[in-house]
């Protein structure tokens, strides 16, 4: 499965480091994921190009606003966990992502 993932944070810096870690973990697992990072201010420019938005934990207060922004589009929005975000653990981030995607697929299929 190919998946287009956008990580967002305040300026795109910390999410950029996380994106690098996630790309390495995805490559190691043989996953066809396109992972990029941008500032939250740039999010609207990428809505036609993504399947998932992963929000930095320090921007969790924007989750509802981002969900409204993507309403009507097939885009999953999730907030990254501070535990793996603070350590830039790309493998844990992928586990979380796959868990959320799996839960939503199960709900949609029922």
PDB file of N, CA and C in Angstrom:
ATOM      1  N   UNK A   1       0.837  -1.176   0.000  1.00  0.00           N
ATOM      2  CA  UNK A   1       0.000   0.000   0.000  1.00  0.00           C
ATOM      3  C   UNK A   1       0.881   1.238   0.000  1.00  0.00           C
ATOM      4  N   UNK A   2       0.583   2.155  -0.878  1.00  0.00           N
ATOM      5  CA  UNK A   2       1.271   3.437  -0.929  1.00  0.00           C
ATOM      6  C   UNK A   2       0.518   4.422  -0.044  1.00  0.00           C
ATOM      7  N   UNK A   3       1.259   5.206   0.711  1.00  0.00           N
ATOM      8  CA  UNK A   3       0.639   6.149   1.633  1.00  0.00           C
ATOM      9  C   UNK A   3       1.421   7.455   1.601  1.00  0.00           C
ATOM     10  N   UNK A   4       0.693   8.566   1.492  1.00  0.00           N
ATOM     11  CA  UNK A   4       1.320   9.891   1.470  1.00  0.00           C
ATOM     12  C   UNK A   4       1.037  10.573   2.804  1.00  0.00           C
ATOM     13  N   UNK A   5       2.110  10.840   3.542  1.00  0.00           N
ATOM     14  CA  UNK A   5       2.002  11.317   4.917  1.00  0.00           C
ATOM     15  C   UNK A   5       2.660  12.680   5.039  1.00  0.00           C
ATOM     16  N   UNK A   6       1.965  13.612   5.674  1.00  0.00           N
ATOM     17  CA  UNK A   6       2.531  14.936   5.941  1.00  0.00           C
ATOM     18  C   UNK A   6       2.597  15.147   7.442  1.00  0.00           C
ATOM     19  N   UNK A   7       3.794  15.402   7.938  1.00  0.00           N
ATOM     20  CA  UNK A   7       3.998  15.743   9.345  1.00  0.00           C
ATOM     21  C   UNK A   7       4.007  17.259   9.450  1.00  0.00           C
ATOM     22  N   UNK A   8       3.296  17.800  10.439  1.00  0.00           N
ATOM     23  CA  UNK A   8       3.289  19.251  10.613  1.00  0.00           C
ATOM     24  C   UNK A   8       3.668  19.630  12.035  1.00  0.00           C
ATOM     25  N   UNK A   9       4.426  20.722  12.113  1.00  0.00           N
ATOM     26  CA  UNK A   9       4.768  21.323  13.403  1.00  0.00           C
ATOM     27  C   UNK A   9       4.772  22.832  13.194  1.00  0.00           C
ATOM     28  N   UNK A  10       5.281  23.569  14.144  1.00  0.00           N
ATOM     29  CA  UNK A  10       5.247  25.024  14.064  1.00  0.00           C
ATOM     30  C   UNK A  10       5.992  25.590  12.870  1.00  0.00           C
ATOM     31  N   UNK A  11       7.225  25.156  12.673  1.00  0.00           N
ATOM     32  CA  UNK A  11       8.036  25.683  11.571  1.00  0.00           C
ATOM     33  C   UNK A  11       8.445  24.619  10.569  1.00  0.00           C
ATOM     34  N   UNK A  12       8.201  23.375  10.867  1.00  0.00           N
ATOM     35  CA  UNK A  12       8.599  22.279   9.992  1.00  0.00           C
ATOM     36  C   UNK A  12       9.955  21.696  10.346  1.00  0.00           C
ATOM     37  N   UNK A  13      10.612  22.254  11.357  1.00  0.00           N
ATOM     38  CA  UNK A  13      11.958  21.784  11.720  1.00  0.00           C
ATOM     39  C   UNK A  13      11.911  20.462  12.481  1.00  0.00           C
ATOM     40  N   UNK A  14      11.223  20.435  13.614  1.00  0.00           N
ATOM     41  CA  UNK A  14      11.197  19.194  14.401  1.00  0.00           C
ATOM     42  C   UNK A  14      10.481  18.083  13.641  1.00  0.00           C
ATOM     43  N   UNK A  15       9.439  18.427  12.916  1.00  0.00           N
ATOM     44  CA  UNK A  15       8.753  17.398  12.131  1.00  0.00           C
ATOM     45  C   UNK A  15       9.641  16.920  10.986  1.00  0.00           C
ATOM     46  N   UNK A  16      10.530  17.772  10.518  1.00  0.00           N
ATOM     47  CA  UNK A  16      11.480  17.368   9.480  1.00  0.00           C
ATOM     48  C   UNK A  16      12.414  16.278   9.969  1.00  0.00           C
ATOM     49  N   UNK A  17      12.903  16.422  11.204  1.00  0.00           N
ATOM     50  CA  UNK A  17      13.762  15.391  11.786  1.00  0.00           C
ATOM     51  C   UNK A  17      12.985  14.087  11.978  1.00  0.00           C
ATOM     52  N   UNK A  18      11.731  14.215  12.414  1.00  0.00           N
ATOM     53  CA  UNK A  18      10.901  13.029  12.601  1.00  0.00           C
ATOM     54  C   UNK A  18      10.623  12.360  11.258  1.00  0.00           C
ATOM     55  N   UNK A  19      10.394  13.146  10.219  1.00  0.00           N
ATOM     56  CA  UNK A  19      10.139  12.583   8.890  1.00  0.00           C
ATOM     57  C   UNK A  19      11.334  11.768   8.406  1.00  0.00           C
ATOM     58  N   UNK A  20      12.540  12.260   8.643  1.00  0.00           N
ATOM     59  CA  UNK A  20      13.746  11.518   8.254  1.00  0.00           C
ATOM     60  C   UNK A  20      13.783  10.172   8.968  1.00  0.00           C
ATOM     61  N   UNK A  21      13.511  10.189  10.265  1.00  0.00           N
ATOM     62  CA  UNK A  21      13.516   8.958  11.056  1.00  0.00           C
ATOM     63  C   UNK A  21      12.441   7.987  10.573  1.00  0.00           C
ATOM     64  N   UNK A  22      11.266   8.511  10.259  1.00  0.00           N
ATOM     65  CA  UNK A  22      10.179   7.658   9.775  1.00  0.00           C
ATOM     66  C   UNK A  22      10.487   7.088   8.395  1.00  0.00           C
ATOM     67  N   UNK A  23      11.101   7.886   7.524  1.00  0.00           N
ATOM     68  CA  UNK A  23      11.464   7.381   6.194  1.00  0.00           C
ATOM     69  C   UNK A  23      12.446   6.221   6.308  1.00  0.00           C
ATOM     70  N   UNK A  24      13.421   6.358   7.205  1.00  0.00           N
ATOM     71  CA  UNK A  24      14.390   5.272   7.415  1.00  0.00           C
ATOM     72  C   UNK A  24      13.687   4.014   7.922  1.00  0.00           C
ATOM     73  N   UNK A  25      12.789   4.183   8.887  1.00  0.00           N
ATOM     74  CA  UNK A  25      12.063   3.036   9.440  1.00  0.00           C
ATOM     75  C   UNK A  25      11.164   2.399   8.380  1.00  0.00           C
ATOM     76  N   UNK A  26      10.503   3.213   7.568  1.00  0.00           N
ATOM     77  CA  UNK A  26       9.625   2.688   6.517  1.00  0.00           C
ATOM     78  C   UNK A  26      10.431   1.920   5.473  1.00  0.00           C
ATOM     79  N   UNK A  27      11.581   2.446   5.095  1.00  0.00           N
ATOM     80  CA  UNK A  27      12.437   1.764   4.118  1.00  0.00           C
ATOM     81  C   UNK A  27      12.913   0.425   4.674  1.00  0.00           C
ATOM     82  N   UNK A  28      13.270   0.422   5.944  1.00  0.00           N
ATOM     83  CA  UNK A  28      13.731  -0.805   6.604  1.00  0.00           C
ATOM     84  C   UNK A  28      12.637  -1.879   6.594  1.00  0.00           C
ATOM     85  N   UNK A  29      11.374  -1.432   6.703  1.00  0.00           N
ATOM     86  CA  UNK A  29      10.244  -2.360   6.724  1.00  0.00           C
ATOM     87  C   UNK A  29       9.684  -2.642   5.325  1.00  0.00           C
ATOM     88  N   UNK A  30      10.258  -2.009   4.313  1.00  0.00           N
ATOM     89  CA  UNK A  30       9.792  -2.217   2.945  1.00  0.00           C
ATOM     90  C   UNK A  30       8.450  -1.571   2.655  1.00  0.00           C
ATOM     91  N   UNK A  31       8.120  -0.500   3.372  1.00  0.00           N
ATOM     92  CA  UNK A  31       6.837   0.179   3.199  1.00  0.00           C
ATOM     93  C   UNK A  31       6.946   1.266   2.134  1.00  0.00           C
ATOM     94  N   UNK A  32       5.927   1.383   1.318  1.00  0.00           N
ATOM     95  CA  UNK A  32       5.892   2.392   0.264  1.00  0.00           C
ATOM     96  C   UNK A  32       5.187   3.645   0.796  1.00  0.00           C
ATOM     97  N   UNK A  33       5.867   4.348   1.683  1.00  0.00           N
ATOM     98  CA  UNK A  33       5.321   5.553   2.293  1.00  0.00           C
ATOM     99  C   UNK A  33       6.111   6.763   1.808  1.00  0.00           C
ATOM    100  N   UNK A  34       5.402   7.792   1.392  1.00  0.00           N
ATOM    101  CA  UNK A  34       6.027   9.069   1.035  1.00  0.00           C
ATOM    102  C   UNK A  34       5.786   9.999   2.221  1.00  0.00           C
ATOM    103  N   UNK A  35       6.854  10.334   2.930  1.00  0.00           N
ATOM    104  CA  UNK A  35       6.740  11.091   4.179  1.00  0.00           C
ATOM    105  C   UNK A  35       7.462  12.417   4.022  1.00  0.00           C
ATOM    106  N   UNK A  36       6.732  13.500   4.267  1.00  0.00           N
ATOM    107  CA  UNK A  36       7.336  14.823   4.213  1.00  0.00           C
ATOM    108  C   UNK A  36       6.894  15.635   5.416  1.00  0.00           C
ATOM    109  N   UNK A  37       7.568  16.757   5.638  1.00  0.00           N
ATOM    110  CA  UNK A  37       7.261  17.608   6.787  1.00  0.00           C
ATOM    111  C   UNK A  37       7.174  19.063   6.340  1.00  0.00           C
ATOM    112  N   UNK A  38       6.249  19.771   6.943  1.00  0.00           N
ATOM    113  CA  UNK A  38       6.052  21.189   6.653  1.00  0.00           C
ATOM    114  C   UNK A  38       5.548  21.883   7.919  1.00  0.00           C
ATOM    115  N   UNK A  39       5.536  23.200   7.872  1.00  0.00           N
ATOM    116  CA  UNK A  39       4.939  23.948   8.979  1.00  0.00           C
ATOM    117  C   UNK A  39       3.421  23.858   8.852  1.00  0.00           C
ATOM    118  N   UNK A  40       2.729  24.005   9.971  1.00  0.00           N
ATOM    119  CA  UNK A  40       1.263  23.907   9.927  1.00  0.00           C
ATOM    120  C   UNK A  40       0.669  24.998   9.047  1.00  0.00           C
ATOM    121  N   UNK A  41       1.362  26.107   8.896  1.00  0.00           N
ATOM    122  CA  UNK A  41       0.864  27.197   8.056  1.00  0.00           C
ATOM    123  C   UNK A  41       0.806  26.800   6.579  1.00  0.00           C
ATOM    124  N   UNK A  42       1.575  25.798   6.184  1.00  0.00           N
ATOM    125  CA  UNK A  42       1.616  25.344   4.791  1.00  0.00           C
ATOM    126  C   UNK A  42       0.651  24.202   4.493  1.00  0.00           C
ATOM    127  N   UNK A  43      -0.022  23.693   5.494  1.00  0.00           N
ATOM    128  CA  UNK A  43      -0.858  22.500   5.347  1.00  0.00           C
ATOM    129  C   UNK A  43      -1.855  22.609   4.198  1.00  0.00           C
ATOM    130  N   UNK A  44      -2.539  23.728   4.092  1.00  0.00           N
ATOM    131  CA  UNK A  44      -3.571  23.875   3.057  1.00  0.00           C
ATOM    132  C   UNK A  44      -3.018  23.673   1.648  1.00  0.00           C
ATOM    133  N   UNK A  45      -1.741  23.947   1.454  1.00  0.00           N
ATOM    134  CA  UNK A  45      -1.125  23.794   0.131  1.00  0.00           C
ATOM    135  C   UNK A  45      -0.931  22.336  -0.271  1.00  0.00           C
ATOM    136  N   UNK A  46      -1.107  21.408   0.662  1.00  0.00           N
ATOM    137  CA  UNK A  46      -0.805  19.999   0.408  1.00  0.00           C
ATOM    138  C   UNK A  46      -2.022  19.082   0.505  1.00  0.00           C
ATOM    139  N   UNK A  47      -3.194  19.624   0.685  1.00  0.00           N
ATOM    140  CA  UNK A  47      -4.377  18.802   0.930  1.00  0.00           C
ATOM    141  C   UNK A  47      -4.726  17.863  -0.220  1.00  0.00           C
ATOM    142  N   UNK A  48      -4.352  18.198  -1.429  1.00  0.00           N
ATOM    143  CA  UNK A  48      -4.657  17.337  -2.575  1.00  0.00           C
ATOM    144  C   UNK A  48      -3.594  16.261  -2.774  1.00  0.00           C
ATOM    145  N   UNK A  49      -2.530  16.303  -1.966  1.00  0.00           N
ATOM    146  CA  UNK A  49      -1.386  15.415  -2.181  1.00  0.00           C
ATOM    147  C   UNK A  49      -1.151  14.429  -1.048  1.00  0.00           C
ATOM    148  N   UNK A  50      -2.027  14.397  -0.038  1.00  0.00           N
ATOM    149  CA  UNK A  50      -1.743  13.582   1.145  1.00  0.00           C
ATOM    150  C   UNK A  50      -2.916  12.684   1.522  1.00  0.00           C
ATOM    151  N   UNK A  51      -2.571  11.624   2.263  1.00  0.00           N
ATOM    152  CA  UNK A  51      -3.567  10.705   2.808  1.00  0.00           C
ATOM    153  C   UNK A  51      -3.690  10.847   4.320  1.00  0.00           C
ATOM    154  N   UNK A  52      -2.591  11.270   4.961  1.00  0.00           N
ATOM    155  CA  UNK A  52      -2.540  11.361   6.423  1.00  0.00           C
ATOM    156  C   UNK A  52      -1.814  12.638   6.827  1.00  0.00           C
ATOM    157  N   UNK A  53      -2.346  13.308   7.860  1.00  0.00           N
ATOM    158  CA  UNK A  53      -1.645  14.417   8.510  1.00  0.00           C
ATOM    159  C   UNK A  53      -1.306  13.962   9.919  1.00  0.00           C
ATOM    160  N   UNK A  54      -0.013  13.991  10.236  1.00  0.00           N
ATOM    161  CA  UNK A  54       0.443  13.681  11.591  1.00  0.00           C
ATOM    162  C   UNK A  54       0.890  15.002  12.220  1.00  0.00           C
ATOM    163  N   UNK A  55       0.200  15.397  13.272  1.00  0.00           N
ATOM    164  CA  UNK A  55       0.407  16.698  13.912  1.00  0.00           C
ATOM    165  C   UNK A  55       1.364  16.549  15.087  1.00  0.00           C
ATOM    166  N   UNK A  56       2.329  17.457  15.178  1.00  0.00           N
ATOM    167  CA  UNK A  56       3.251  17.451  16.314  1.00  0.00           C
ATOM    168  C   UNK A  56       2.480  17.595  17.612  1.00  0.00           C
ATOM    169  N   UNK A  57       2.913  16.920  18.672  1.00  0.00           N
ATOM    170  CA  UNK A  57       2.161  16.936  19.930  1.00  0.00           C
ATOM    171  C   UNK A  57       2.003  18.333  20.524  1.00  0.00           C
ATOM    172  N   UNK A  58       2.950  19.212  20.258  1.00  0.00           N
ATOM    173  CA  UNK A  58       2.869  20.578  20.771  1.00  0.00           C
ATOM    174  C   UNK A  58       1.809  21.405  20.037  1.00  0.00           C
ATOM    175  N   UNK A  59       1.257  20.867  18.955  1.00  0.00           N
ATOM    176  CA  UNK A  59       0.179  21.534  18.219  1.00  0.00           C
ATOM    177  C   UNK A  59      -1.144  20.781  18.344  1.00  0.00           C
ATOM    178  N   UNK A  60      -1.255  19.955  19.360  1.00  0.00           N
ATOM    179  CA  UNK A  60      -2.477  19.151  19.522  1.00  0.00           C
ATOM    180  C   UNK A  60      -3.728  20.024  19.624  1.00  0.00           C
ATOM    181  N   UNK A  61      -3.561  21.257  20.070  1.00  0.00           N
ATOM    182  CA  UNK A  61      -4.705  22.172  20.177  1.00  0.00           C
ATOM    183  C   UNK A  61      -5.280  22.521  18.802  1.00  0.00           C
ATOM    184  N   UNK A  62      -4.555  22.237  17.729  1.00  0.00           N
ATOM    185  CA  UNK A  62      -5.029  22.512  16.371  1.00  0.00           C
ATOM    186  C   UNK A  62      -5.742  21.319  15.723  1.00  0.00           C
ATOM    187  N   UNK A  63      -5.814  20.198  16.429  1.00  0.00           N
ATOM    188  CA  UNK A  63      -6.374  18.985  15.826  1.00  0.00           C
ATOM    189  C   UNK A  63      -7.782  19.207  15.266  1.00  0.00           C
ATOM    190  N   UNK A  64      -8.671  19.806  16.039  1.00  0.00           N
ATOM    191  CA  UNK A  64     -10.042  20.013  15.559  1.00  0.00           C
ATOM    192  C   UNK A  64     -10.076  20.954  14.355  1.00  0.00           C
ATOM    193  N   UNK A  65      -9.263  21.995  14.396  1.00  0.00           N
ATOM    194  CA  UNK A  65      -9.199  22.940  13.277  1.00  0.00           C
ATOM    195  C   UNK A  65      -8.704  22.245  12.001  1.00  0.00           C
ATOM    196  N   UNK A  66      -7.710  21.401  12.149  1.00  0.00           N
ATOM    197  CA  UNK A  66      -7.183  20.667  10.990  1.00  0.00           C
ATOM    198  C   UNK A  66      -8.225  19.679  10.475  1.00  0.00           C
ATOM    199  N   UNK A  67      -8.938  19.021  11.379  1.00  0.00           N
ATOM    200  CA  UNK A  67      -9.998  18.097  10.950  1.00  0.00           C
ATOM    201  C   UNK A  67     -11.078  18.835  10.165  1.00  0.00           C
ATOM    202  N   UNK A  68     -11.412  20.048  10.580  1.00  0.00           N
ATOM    203  CA  UNK A  68     -12.384  20.845   9.831  1.00  0.00           C
ATOM    204  C   UNK A  68     -11.832  21.212   8.457  1.00  0.00           C
ATOM    205  N   UNK A  69     -10.537  21.528   8.410  1.00  0.00           N
ATOM    206  CA  UNK A  69      -9.889  21.905   7.159  1.00  0.00           C
ATOM    207  C   UNK A  69      -9.942  20.764   6.139  1.00  0.00           C
ATOM    208  N   UNK A  70      -9.825  19.520   6.601  1.00  0.00           N
ATOM    209  CA  UNK A  70      -9.794  18.374   5.683  1.00  0.00           C
ATOM    210  C   UNK A  70     -11.158  17.696   5.542  1.00  0.00           C
ATOM    211  N   UNK A  71     -12.174  18.247   6.173  1.00  0.00           N
ATOM    212  CA  UNK A  71     -13.514  17.655   6.100  1.00  0.00           C
ATOM    213  C   UNK A  71     -13.923  17.463   4.640  1.00  0.00           C
ATOM    214  N   UNK A  72     -14.462  16.294   4.344  1.00  0.00           N
ATOM    215  CA  UNK A  72     -14.890  15.982   2.986  1.00  0.00           C
ATOM    216  C   UNK A  72     -13.789  15.385   2.129  1.00  0.00           C
ATOM    217  N   UNK A  73     -12.587  15.326   2.673  1.00  0.00           N
ATOM    218  CA  UNK A  73     -11.465  14.721   1.953  1.00  0.00           C
ATOM    219  C   UNK A  73     -11.097  13.416   2.653  1.00  0.00           C
ATOM    220  N   UNK A  74     -10.527  12.503   1.934  1.00  0.00           N
ATOM    221  CA  UNK A  74     -10.129  11.212   2.513  1.00  0.00           C
ATOM    222  C   UNK A  74      -8.752  11.345   3.155  1.00  0.00           C
ATOM    223  N   UNK A  75      -8.677  12.201   4.179  1.00  0.00           N
ATOM    224  CA  UNK A  75      -7.415  12.454   4.874  1.00  0.00           C
ATOM    225  C   UNK A  75      -7.604  12.144   6.351  1.00  0.00           C
ATOM    226  N   UNK A  76      -6.755  11.273   6.862  1.00  0.00           N
ATOM    227  CA  UNK A  76      -6.753  10.934   8.286  1.00  0.00           C
ATOM    228  C   UNK A  76      -5.903  11.964   9.027  1.00  0.00           C
ATOM    229  N   UNK A  77      -6.401  12.458  10.160  1.00  0.00           N
ATOM    230  CA  UNK A  77      -5.653  13.396  11.001  1.00  0.00           C
ATOM    231  C   UNK A  77      -5.376  12.721  12.333  1.00  0.00           C
ATOM    232  N   UNK A  78      -4.127  12.793  12.773  1.00  0.00           N
ATOM    233  CA  UNK A  78      -3.765  12.220  14.067  1.00  0.00           C
ATOM    234  C   UNK A  78      -2.684  13.075  14.714  1.00  0.00           C
ATOM    235  N   UNK A  79      -2.660  13.063  16.035  1.00  0.00           N
ATOM    236  CA  UNK A  79      -1.636  13.778  16.792  1.00  0.00           C
ATOM    237  C   UNK A  79      -0.570  12.772  17.207  1.00  0.00           C
ATOM    238  N   UNK A  80       0.680  13.125  16.963  1.00  0.00           N
ATOM    239  CA  UNK A  80       1.783  12.243  17.340  1.00  0.00           C
ATOM    240  C   UNK A  80       1.962  12.231  18.855  1.00  0.00           C
ATOM    241  N   UNK A  81       2.398  11.107  19.361  1.00  0.00           N
ATOM    242  CA  UNK A  81       2.633  10.922  20.790  1.00  0.00           C
ATOM    243  C   UNK A  81       3.939  11.612  21.193  1.00  0.00           C
ATOM    244  N   UNK A  82       3.919  12.373  22.293  1.00  0.00           N
ATOM    245  CA  UNK A  82       5.146  13.061  22.722  1.00  0.00           C
ATOM    246  C   UNK A  82       6.300  12.111  23.032  1.00  0.00           C
ATOM    247  N   UNK A  83       5.997  10.881  23.453  1.00  0.00           N
ATOM    248  CA  UNK A  83       7.060   9.939  23.805  1.00  0.00           C
ATOM    249  C   UNK A  83       7.951   9.617  22.608  1.00  0.00           C
ATOM    250  N   UNK A  84       7.367   9.255  21.487  1.00  0.00           N
ATOM    251  CA  UNK A  84       8.213   8.935  20.333  1.00  0.00           C
ATOM    252  C   UNK A  84       8.648  10.185  19.582  1.00  0.00           C
ATOM    253  N   UNK A  85       7.851  11.249  19.661  1.00  0.00           N
ATOM    254  CA  UNK A  85       8.216  12.489  18.971  1.00  0.00           C
ATOM    255  C   UNK A  85       9.463  13.105  19.596  1.00  0.00           C
ATOM    256  N   UNK A  86       9.522  13.113  20.915  1.00  0.00           N
ATOM    257  CA  UNK A  86      10.660  13.739  21.606  1.00  0.00           C
ATOM    258  C   UNK A  86      11.958  12.965  21.402  1.00  0.00           C
ATOM    259  N   UNK A  87      11.852  11.679  21.103  1.00  0.00           N
ATOM    260  CA  UNK A  87      13.051  10.864  20.876  1.00  0.00           C
ATOM    261  C   UNK A  87      13.281  10.584  19.390  1.00  0.00           C
ATOM    262  N   UNK A  88      12.410  11.126  18.545  1.00  0.00           N
ATOM    263  CA  UNK A  88      12.492  10.925  17.093  1.00  0.00           C
ATOM    264  C   UNK A  88      12.523   9.445  16.723  1.00  0.00           C
ATOM    265  N   UNK A  89      11.682   8.669  17.393  1.00  0.00           N
ATOM    266  CA  UNK A  89      11.613   7.224  17.158  1.00  0.00           C
ATOM    267  C   UNK A  89      10.658   6.941  15.988  1.00  0.00           C
ATOM    268  N   UNK A  90      11.237   6.840  14.798  1.00  0.00           N
ATOM    269  CA  UNK A  90      10.443   6.623  13.595  1.00  0.00           C
ATOM    270  C   UNK A  90       9.684   5.312  13.595  1.00  0.00           C
ATOM    271  N   UNK A  91      10.255   4.280  14.197  1.00  0.00           N
ATOM    272  CA  UNK A  91       9.568   2.987  14.241  1.00  0.00           C
ATOM    273  C   UNK A  91       8.309   3.068  15.093  1.00  0.00           C
ATOM    274  N   UNK A  92       8.396   3.720  16.241  1.00  0.00           N
ATOM    275  CA  UNK A  92       7.212   3.880  17.104  1.00  0.00           C
ATOM    276  C   UNK A  92       6.170   4.755  16.417  1.00  0.00           C
ATOM    277  N   UNK A  93       6.622   5.777  15.705  1.00  0.00           N
ATOM    278  CA  UNK A  93       5.687   6.642  14.979  1.00  0.00           C
ATOM    279  C   UNK A  93       4.934   5.839  13.923  1.00  0.00           C
ATOM    280  N   UNK A  94       5.642   4.964  13.209  1.00  0.00           N
ATOM    281  CA  UNK A  94       4.981   4.121  12.204  1.00  0.00           C
ATOM    282  C   UNK A  94       3.998   3.153  12.848  1.00  0.00           C
ATOM    283  N   UNK A  95       4.372   2.593  14.000  1.00  0.00           N
ATOM    284  CA  UNK A  95       3.453   1.696  14.714  1.00  0.00           C
ATOM    285  C   UNK A  95       2.164   2.435  15.071  1.00  0.00           C
ATOM    286  N   UNK A  96       2.307   3.654  15.568  1.00  0.00           N
ATOM    287  CA  UNK A  96       1.140   4.458  15.937  1.00  0.00           C
ATOM    288  C   UNK A  96       0.295   4.753  14.697  1.00  0.00           C
ATOM    289  N   UNK A  97       0.947   5.167  13.632  1.00  0.00           N
ATOM    290  CA  UNK A  97       0.256   5.458  12.379  1.00  0.00           C
ATOM    291  C   UNK A  97      -0.524   4.239  11.894  1.00  0.00           C
ATOM    292  N   UNK A  98       0.122   3.095  11.855  1.00  0.00           N
ATOM    293  CA  UNK A  98      -0.531   1.879  11.368  1.00  0.00           C
ATOM    294  C   UNK A  98      -1.678   1.458  12.275  1.00  0.00           C
ATOM    295  N   UNK A  99      -1.537   1.695  13.566  1.00  0.00           N
ATOM    296  CA  UNK A  99      -2.608   1.392  14.509  1.00  0.00           C
ATOM    297  C   UNK A  99      -3.831   2.266  14.235  1.00  0.00           C
ATOM    298  N   UNK A 100      -3.614   3.547  14.041  1.00  0.00           N
ATOM    299  CA  UNK A 100      -4.725   4.473  13.784  1.00  0.00           C
ATOM    300  C   UNK A 100      -5.388   4.155  12.450  1.00  0.00           C
ATOM    301  N   UNK A 101      -4.593   3.919  11.435  1.00  0.00           N
ATOM    302  CA  UNK A 101      -5.150   3.599  10.117  1.00  0.00           C
ATOM    303  C   UNK A 101      -5.940   2.297  10.176  1.00  0.00           C
ATOM    304  N   UNK A 102      -5.403   1.301  10.867  1.00  0.00           N
ATOM    305  CA  UNK A 102      -6.091   0.021  11.012  1.00  0.00           C
ATOM    306  C   UNK A 102      -7.412   0.151  11.741  1.00  0.00           C
ATOM    307  N   UNK A 103      -7.445   0.969  12.793  1.00  0.00           N
ATOM    308  CA  UNK A 103      -8.681   1.186  13.548  1.00  0.00           C
ATOM    309  C   UNK A 103      -9.730   1.837  12.665  1.00  0.00           C
ATOM    310  N   UNK A 104      -9.342   2.814  11.881  1.00  0.00           N
ATOM    311  CA  UNK A 104     -10.296   3.517  11.031  1.00  0.00           C
ATOM    312  C   UNK A 104     -10.784   2.649   9.889  1.00  0.00           C
ATOM    313  N   UNK A 105      -9.934   1.796   9.372  1.00  0.00           N
ATOM    314  CA  UNK A 105     -10.375   0.868   8.323  1.00  0.00           C
ATOM    315  C   UNK A 105     -11.400  -0.098   8.875  1.00  0.00           C
ATOM    316  N   UNK A 106     -11.151  -0.593  10.081  1.00  0.00           N
ATOM    317  CA  UNK A 106     -12.091  -1.515  10.706  1.00  0.00           C
ATOM    318  C   UNK A 106     -13.446  -0.881  10.906  1.00  0.00           C
ATOM    319  N   UNK A 107     -13.451   0.364  11.311  1.00  0.00           N
ATOM    320  CA  UNK A 107     -14.702   1.087  11.522  1.00  0.00           C
ATOM    321  C   UNK A 107     -15.433   1.295  10.203  1.00  0.00           C
ATOM    322  N   UNK A 108     -14.688   1.653   9.162  1.00  0.00           N
ATOM    323  CA  UNK A 108     -15.305   1.932   7.869  1.00  0.00           C
ATOM    324  C   UNK A 108     -15.867   0.662   7.231  1.00  0.00           C
ATOM    325  N   UNK A 109     -15.245  -0.467   7.508  1.00  0.00           N
ATOM    326  CA  UNK A 109     -15.671  -1.716   6.879  1.00  0.00           C
ATOM    327  C   UNK A 109     -16.863  -2.353   7.578  1.00  0.00           C
ATOM    328  N   UNK A 110     -17.156  -1.934   8.788  1.00  0.00           N
ATOM    329  CA  UNK A 110     -18.232  -2.571   9.546  1.00  0.00           C
ATOM    330  C   UNK A 110     -19.597  -2.059   9.153  1.00  0.00           C
TER     331      UNK A 110
END
